[in-house]
Structure formats: C-alpha cells, structure tokens
Amino acid sequence: MFLVSCISYPELYERKYAMNLIQLEKAIKEHKIVENIKDGIADGLLHGERDDTKTHHYYKVGYDYGCVMFDMLGTSVCRTEINDKGIDE
C-alpha cells in the first residue's frame, strides 16, 4: 500500500495521515481524477494532440500513457486515418 510505504507505522496508528476509503473515493470523484486520465488516454491514443485547455495533472499522465500505448501498437497508420474509418468498420 502506498500509504504504508510513505509513513512510519507509529504515525499510522496515530492516524495523523490516514484517510479512510470513503474519503479517498470522494476526493477522487471531486477532483475528477479518473475522468481526466480517460480523456488524456483517448487524446493520446486516438487523436495524438494534447488539449491545451486541459491542465489537470492526471490528464497529462493519461495523455502520455495514451501516446506510449499508440507507439507500442507498432502501427504505421496515422491517427487521422484511424479516426476516419470510424469505430464500427
């Protein structure tokens, strides 16, 4: 667990830095972390262009991951050709 590796055990028992799972889930939803990662992956993998209006840290992480996934596919087809074909074809 990340929390356990970052702080010592006495601090954990004192609950100085501990966050329960409900609070963590609320924080994730409040800051739209998952949505930003998904948007970044989609832009990196499908479009190949970063949306300059999105400055969220997790969007940038998702975008970089999407670009890496595209490179790992090893395809010589450019992204615009993939987008022109559509999903159903």
N, C-alpha and C. Protein backbone atom coordinates (compact mmCIF):
# COMPACT_ATOMS: atom_id res chain seq x y z
N MET A 1 0.82 -1.18 0.00
CA MET A 1 0.00 0.00 0.00
C MET A 1 0.87 1.24 0.00
N PHE A 2 0.45 2.24 -0.75
CA PHE A 2 1.20 3.48 -0.86
C PHE A 2 1.27 4.21 0.49
N LEU A 3 0.15 4.25 1.19
CA LEU A 3 0.09 4.95 2.46
C LEU A 3 1.07 4.35 3.45
N VAL A 4 1.14 3.04 3.50
CA VAL A 4 2.01 2.36 4.45
C VAL A 4 3.47 2.62 4.10
N SER A 5 3.81 2.66 2.83
CA SER A 5 5.20 2.84 2.45
C SER A 5 5.68 4.27 2.63
N CYS A 6 4.79 5.23 2.73
CA CYS A 6 5.19 6.64 2.82
C CYS A 6 5.37 7.11 4.26
N ILE A 7 4.71 6.51 5.19
CA ILE A 7 4.79 6.98 6.57
C ILE A 7 5.15 5.82 7.47
N SER A 8 5.68 6.15 8.62
CA SER A 8 6.06 5.10 9.54
C SER A 8 4.82 4.55 10.25
N TYR A 9 4.98 3.39 10.83
CA TYR A 9 3.84 2.74 11.47
C TYR A 9 3.29 3.49 12.68
N PRO A 10 4.13 4.11 13.53
CA PRO A 10 3.52 4.87 14.65
C PRO A 10 2.58 5.97 14.15
N GLU A 11 2.95 6.63 13.06
CA GLU A 11 2.07 7.67 12.52
C GLU A 11 0.77 7.09 12.00
N LEU A 12 0.87 5.87 11.48
CA LEU A 12 -0.35 5.21 11.00
C LEU A 12 -1.30 4.92 12.16
N TYR A 13 -0.74 4.44 13.24
CA TYR A 13 -1.60 4.12 14.39
C TYR A 13 -2.17 5.37 15.03
N GLU A 14 -1.42 6.47 14.95
CA GLU A 14 -1.94 7.73 15.48
C GLU A 14 -2.96 8.35 14.53
N ARG A 15 -3.03 7.84 13.31
CA ARG A 15 -3.97 8.27 12.28
C ARG A 15 -3.76 9.73 11.88
N LYS A 16 -2.51 10.20 11.94
CA LYS A 16 -2.22 11.57 11.53
C LYS A 16 -2.50 11.76 10.04
N TYR A 17 -2.05 10.80 9.24
CA TYR A 17 -2.13 10.95 7.80
C TYR A 17 -3.10 9.96 7.16
N ALA A 18 -3.74 9.17 7.97
CA ALA A 18 -4.60 8.13 7.42
C ALA A 18 -5.90 8.74 6.89
N MET A 19 -6.34 8.24 5.75
CA MET A 19 -7.59 8.66 5.14
C MET A 19 -8.40 7.39 4.92
N ASN A 20 -9.63 7.39 5.35
CA ASN A 20 -10.40 6.18 5.12
C ASN A 20 -10.82 6.10 3.65
N LEU A 21 -11.24 4.94 3.24
CA LEU A 21 -11.53 4.71 1.82
C LEU A 21 -12.69 5.54 1.31
N ILE A 22 -13.64 5.83 2.15
CA ILE A 22 -14.78 6.65 1.73
C ILE A 22 -14.31 8.07 1.41
N GLN A 23 -13.44 8.63 2.25
CA GLN A 23 -12.90 9.95 2.00
C GLN A 23 -12.05 9.97 0.73
N LEU A 24 -11.28 8.90 0.54
CA LEU A 24 -10.45 8.80 -0.66
C LEU A 24 -11.30 8.75 -1.92
N GLU A 25 -12.36 7.95 -1.89
CA GLU A 25 -13.24 7.85 -3.05
C GLU A 25 -13.92 9.19 -3.34
N LYS A 26 -14.34 9.90 -2.32
CA LYS A 26 -14.95 11.22 -2.50
C LYS A 26 -13.96 12.21 -3.11
N ALA A 27 -12.70 12.15 -2.64
CA ALA A 27 -11.68 13.06 -3.17
C ALA A 27 -11.40 12.76 -4.64
N ILE A 28 -11.37 11.48 -5.00
CA ILE A 28 -11.13 11.08 -6.39
C ILE A 28 -12.25 11.59 -7.28
N LYS A 29 -13.50 11.44 -6.83
CA LYS A 29 -14.63 11.91 -7.61
C LYS A 29 -14.67 13.44 -7.68
N GLU A 30 -14.37 14.08 -6.57
CA GLU A 30 -14.41 15.54 -6.52
C GLU A 30 -13.40 16.17 -7.47
N HIS A 31 -12.23 15.60 -7.57
CA HIS A 31 -11.19 16.15 -8.42
C HIS A 31 -11.19 15.55 -9.83
N LYS A 32 -12.16 14.67 -10.11
CA LYS A 32 -12.35 14.08 -11.43
C LYS A 32 -11.07 13.45 -11.98
N ILE A 33 -10.40 12.70 -11.13
CA ILE A 33 -9.13 12.09 -11.50
C ILE A 33 -9.32 11.06 -12.60
N VAL A 34 -10.26 10.15 -12.43
CA VAL A 34 -10.47 9.08 -13.41
C VAL A 34 -10.91 9.66 -14.75
N GLU A 35 -11.79 10.64 -14.74
CA GLU A 35 -12.26 11.25 -15.98
C GLU A 35 -11.11 11.91 -16.74
N ASN A 36 -10.24 12.58 -16.00
CA ASN A 36 -9.11 13.25 -16.64
C ASN A 36 -8.11 12.25 -17.22
N ILE A 37 -7.88 11.15 -16.52
CA ILE A 37 -6.99 10.12 -17.06
C ILE A 37 -7.58 9.54 -18.34
N LYS A 38 -8.87 9.24 -18.33
CA LYS A 38 -9.53 8.69 -19.53
C LYS A 38 -9.45 9.66 -20.70
N ASP A 39 -9.73 10.94 -20.45
CA ASP A 39 -9.65 11.93 -21.52
C ASP A 39 -8.24 12.02 -22.09
N GLY A 40 -7.25 11.99 -21.23
CA GLY A 40 -5.87 12.05 -21.68
C GLY A 40 -5.47 10.85 -22.51
N ILE A 41 -5.87 9.67 -22.07
CA ILE A 41 -5.56 8.45 -22.83
C ILE A 41 -6.22 8.50 -24.20
N ALA A 42 -7.47 8.91 -24.25
CA ALA A 42 -8.18 9.00 -25.53
C ALA A 42 -7.50 9.98 -26.47
N ASP A 43 -7.10 11.13 -25.94
CA ASP A 43 -6.44 12.12 -26.80
C ASP A 43 -5.08 11.62 -27.28
N GLY A 44 -4.34 10.97 -26.43
CA GLY A 44 -3.02 10.46 -26.82
C GLY A 44 -3.09 9.29 -27.77
N LEU A 45 -4.02 8.40 -27.53
CA LEU A 45 -4.12 7.18 -28.33
C LEU A 45 -4.86 7.41 -29.64
N LEU A 46 -5.95 8.14 -29.59
CA LEU A 46 -6.80 8.29 -30.77
C LEU A 46 -6.50 9.54 -31.59
N HIS A 47 -6.24 10.65 -30.92
CA HIS A 47 -6.10 11.92 -31.63
C HIS A 47 -4.65 12.34 -31.83
N GLY A 48 -3.80 12.04 -30.88
CA GLY A 48 -2.40 12.42 -30.99
C GLY A 48 -2.14 13.89 -30.74
N GLU A 49 -3.12 14.59 -30.24
CA GLU A 49 -2.96 16.01 -29.95
C GLU A 49 -3.44 16.29 -28.53
N ARG A 50 -2.61 17.00 -27.80
CA ARG A 50 -2.96 17.36 -26.43
C ARG A 50 -3.90 18.55 -26.45
N ASP A 51 -4.93 18.49 -25.64
CA ASP A 51 -5.87 19.59 -25.50
C ASP A 51 -5.26 20.62 -24.55
N ASP A 52 -4.90 21.79 -25.08
CA ASP A 52 -4.22 22.80 -24.28
C ASP A 52 -5.11 23.40 -23.20
N THR A 53 -6.42 23.23 -23.32
CA THR A 53 -7.31 23.78 -22.30
C THR A 53 -7.36 22.91 -21.06
N LYS A 54 -6.90 21.68 -21.16
CA LYS A 54 -6.91 20.76 -20.01
C LYS A 54 -5.54 20.76 -19.36
N THR A 55 -5.49 21.29 -18.15
CA THR A 55 -4.21 21.43 -17.46
C THR A 55 -4.09 20.50 -16.25
N HIS A 56 -5.07 19.64 -16.04
CA HIS A 56 -5.06 18.74 -14.90
C HIS A 56 -3.87 17.78 -14.99
N HIS A 57 -3.21 17.55 -13.88
CA HIS A 57 -2.04 16.67 -13.84
C HIS A 57 -2.37 15.28 -14.39
N TYR A 58 -3.51 14.74 -14.00
CA TYR A 58 -3.85 13.38 -14.41
C TYR A 58 -4.25 13.30 -15.89
N TYR A 59 -4.70 14.40 -16.47
CA TYR A 59 -4.91 14.43 -17.91
C TYR A 59 -3.58 14.25 -18.62
N LYS A 60 -2.55 14.97 -18.15
CA LYS A 60 -1.22 14.88 -18.76
C LYS A 60 -0.64 13.48 -18.61
N VAL A 61 -0.85 12.86 -17.45
CA VAL A 61 -0.39 11.49 -17.24
C VAL A 61 -1.10 10.55 -18.21
N GLY A 62 -2.41 10.70 -18.36
CA GLY A 62 -3.18 9.87 -19.28
C GLY A 62 -2.76 10.09 -20.73
N TYR A 63 -2.50 11.33 -21.10
CA TYR A 63 -2.08 11.63 -22.47
C TYR A 63 -0.75 10.94 -22.78
N ASP A 64 0.20 11.07 -21.88
CA ASP A 64 1.50 10.41 -22.09
C ASP A 64 1.34 8.90 -22.20
N TYR A 65 0.49 8.33 -21.37
CA TYR A 65 0.23 6.89 -21.42
C TYR A 65 -0.43 6.50 -22.74
N GLY A 66 -1.37 7.31 -23.21
CA GLY A 66 -2.02 7.04 -24.49
C GLY A 66 -1.04 7.07 -25.64
N CYS A 67 -0.10 8.00 -25.62
CA CYS A 67 0.92 8.07 -26.67
C CYS A 67 1.83 6.84 -26.63
N VAL A 68 2.18 6.41 -25.43
CA VAL A 68 3.01 5.21 -25.29
C VAL A 68 2.27 3.99 -25.81
N MET A 69 0.98 3.90 -25.49
CA MET A 69 0.18 2.76 -25.98
C MET A 69 0.13 2.77 -27.50
N PHE A 70 -0.03 3.95 -28.11
CA PHE A 70 -0.07 4.04 -29.56
C PHE A 70 1.25 3.57 -30.16
N ASP A 71 2.36 4.01 -29.57
CA ASP A 71 3.68 3.60 -30.05
C ASP A 71 3.90 2.10 -29.88
N MET A 72 3.37 1.54 -28.81
CA MET A 72 3.54 0.10 -28.56
C MET A 72 2.75 -0.74 -29.56
N LEU A 73 1.69 -0.17 -30.12
CA LEU A 73 0.92 -0.91 -31.11
C LEU A 73 1.74 -1.17 -32.37
N GLY A 74 2.71 -0.31 -32.62
CA GLY A 74 3.60 -0.50 -33.76
C GLY A 74 2.91 -0.34 -35.10
N THR A 75 1.89 0.45 -35.16
CA THR A 75 1.15 0.62 -36.40
C THR A 75 1.76 1.75 -37.22
N SER A 76 1.72 1.60 -38.53
CA SER A 76 2.22 2.65 -39.41
C SER A 76 1.09 3.54 -39.90
N VAL A 77 -0.12 3.26 -39.48
CA VAL A 77 -1.28 4.05 -39.87
C VAL A 77 -1.33 5.29 -39.00
N CYS A 78 -1.52 6.44 -39.62
CA CYS A 78 -1.59 7.67 -38.81
C CYS A 78 -2.94 7.74 -38.11
N ARG A 79 -3.00 8.52 -37.08
CA ARG A 79 -4.21 8.59 -36.26
C ARG A 79 -5.40 9.13 -37.03
N THR A 80 -5.18 10.04 -37.98
CA THR A 80 -6.33 10.59 -38.71
C THR A 80 -6.97 9.53 -39.58
N GLU A 81 -6.19 8.62 -40.13
CA GLU A 81 -6.77 7.53 -40.92
C GLU A 81 -7.60 6.61 -40.04
N ILE A 82 -7.12 6.36 -38.84
CA ILE A 82 -7.87 5.52 -37.90
C ILE A 82 -9.18 6.21 -37.55
N ASN A 83 -9.15 7.50 -37.29
CA ASN A 83 -10.36 8.24 -36.92
C ASN A 83 -11.34 8.31 -38.09
N ASP A 84 -10.85 8.39 -39.33
CA ASP A 84 -11.73 8.48 -40.49
C ASP A 84 -12.48 7.18 -40.73
N LYS A 85 -11.89 6.06 -40.38
CA LYS A 85 -12.55 4.78 -40.60
C LYS A 85 -13.73 4.57 -39.67
N GLY A 86 -13.69 5.14 -38.49
CA GLY A 86 -14.77 5.00 -37.54
C GLY A 86 -14.64 3.73 -36.74
N ILE A 87 -15.42 3.63 -35.70
CA ILE A 87 -15.34 2.50 -34.77
C ILE A 87 -16.04 1.28 -35.35
N ASP A 88 -17.15 1.44 -36.02
CA ASP A 88 -17.96 0.30 -36.46
C ASP A 88 -17.37 -0.45 -37.64
N GLU A 89 -16.45 0.15 -38.37
CA GLU A 89 -15.92 -0.53 -39.56
C GLU A 89 -14.82 -1.47 -39.24
